[in-house]
Amino acid sequence: MIIPRFYIDDIIKAAIKEDINYVDEATAFVIPEESRSKAKFVAKAEGVLCGIEVALRVFQMLDESFTAEVFKKDGDRIAPGELIASFEGKTRELLYGERTALNLLQHMSGVATQTRQAADLVAGTGASIADTRKTLPGLRALQKYAVVCGGGKNHRFNLSDAAMLKDNHIDAGGGILKTVAALREKIGHTVKIEVETRDMEEVKQAVEAGADIIMLDNMTVEQMKQAVAYIDGRALTEASGNITLDNIREKAESGVDIISMGSLTHSVKAMDISMRIEK
């Protein structure tokens, strides 16, 4: 994992507190405190694994005696029935952490799987797949890590990472030229400026303003081709808006450098993975 352990631990603590509250009645009143069990994660669908270390960390935080053997790593393609990991620990703690561990593992794997599908569809075009800030509150770092595991790239992590002028900034600021000029007077030399455009007139203004990245928002493929030809390498080009797995190849063939998709994180389907305790 490339995410700091303290960040992951904070997410897990909040999730466990939410799920267990102060007692798991079914487990605490049925399972003896001294009971130990072996368990495993098994794939029930095809996809790209992501979050195995996060999932196992759930049990490590609950049980210092917990041990595990991992057979598949983040980024690996997995098929139904494949063994992902086997582990052993206190039975109560395995049951306490089961849902939290699976929620994180299944969601992160779902993000990685959909990203891999999108990346495969644009292979050979020169376009890269990127995420957005349309992430679930509190889970952004995990979701963006999952995008990378699936073969995508990260857009900015937060509002401080780059100066991105969207339509509301431009409309409120008096237009592209005026808004970019005002911004450039204030930002540091390491900050890039991205400008969202809605038509060719705005594309021309963004080029004139010296934008580093020009977003082509909700444009048709023909409009995007025209915009890419006009920009002619003077800025990176990013396609965004209403992009699906069905139309992504066509969008990529317009010549854009980046395709950003909010659906990678805000509405992805969780991958089916099960946890089984040995009888």
Foldseek 3Di string as FASTA:
>chain_A
DPDDPVLLVVVLVVVLCVVQVPHDVVLVVPADQPAKFKKFKFFQAWFFWACPVSLVVSLCVVFVVKDKDADDYGLDIDHGGDTGMMIMGGPSSCVSSFVVSQVLGQQLRLLLGQLLLLQVLQPPLQAFEEEDCLADPSCLVSSQVSNVSNRGHYDDSDCPQAAEQEPVQQVVQPHDLRSLVVVVVPDDPVHAYEYEDAAPVNLVSCLVSQHQEYEHEPDDLVRLLVSCVVCVPSHAYEYEYPDDSVCSNSNSNSRHHYYYDNCSHNPGDGGDMHMGIDD
